[in-house]
Amino acid sequence: METEQTQQKESQELGTLLRLSGILFAILIIVGALIWGLGQFLNNSSTETSTSSVNTISVSDQIKGNREAKVVLVEYSDFQCPACAAYYSVLKQVAADFKSDVAFVYRHFPLRQIHQNSELAARAAEAAGKQGKFWEMHDLLFENQKEWSSEKKAEEFFKRYAESLSLNTVQFETDINSSEIRVKVNNDYQSGVGFRVNATPTFFLNGEKLQNPRTYDEFKSLLQKAISK
């Protein structure tokens, strides 16, 4: 009799344990589903934010073309980068041809580890920009890249470029080393890191990262498609 009662008790305990296990398993499935759903939501939200943010023009951005255009081409670039210099003439032509329909945004991404003068060059362009000559300095830096790239005193070259642009050289020398301009260049760089820029030049067309077009015609085709949408 006692053995029978013991068996019944054990059977009841086993049944209770199985029910509890089933409930626990169901809870784990629900929690897992919730975590997965939250992860998907955050991932989608992050993608949407990144896409819109890279395309958002800020007050500090260097822009040519039509600031109000619906098509925005963002370039992350390094003045000492040979590939960026190779793209320079293509972009200059594209900007001239689409100046009414596209906002061309230049952001600094100096590869300091391999280009010793890249950050200084970026600051030189921004210093010229303080006097309304960013794009003129931008052009001189790329056109004369081989002249200053490997120089230990590259700032001397940049001062000469400033003189050729009729800038106030005293102000230029002050601005090139100012904390304001250092912060501006670093902010551009950090924004590029945030958008997973890992090489120069990197282009975003209306928020979408491009496989770098190889020719002027490829660039032209991409912009025409974006304008016609």
Foldseek 3Di string as FASTA:
>chain_A
DVVVVVVVVVVVVVVVVVVVVVVVVVVVVVVVVVVVVVVVVVVVVLLVCLLQVVQDDDPLWDKFADPPAPKEKEKEAWLLDPVVLVCVVLVVVVCVVRSHHYIYTYAYAHPCVVFVCRLLLQLLLVLVVVVPCNVVSSVVSSVCSVVQRPDPPSVVVSLVSCVVVVHPSVSSVVRSPDPVSSVRNVVSNVSCVVSVDDDPTWMAISSRTDPDDPGSVVVVVVSVVVRVD
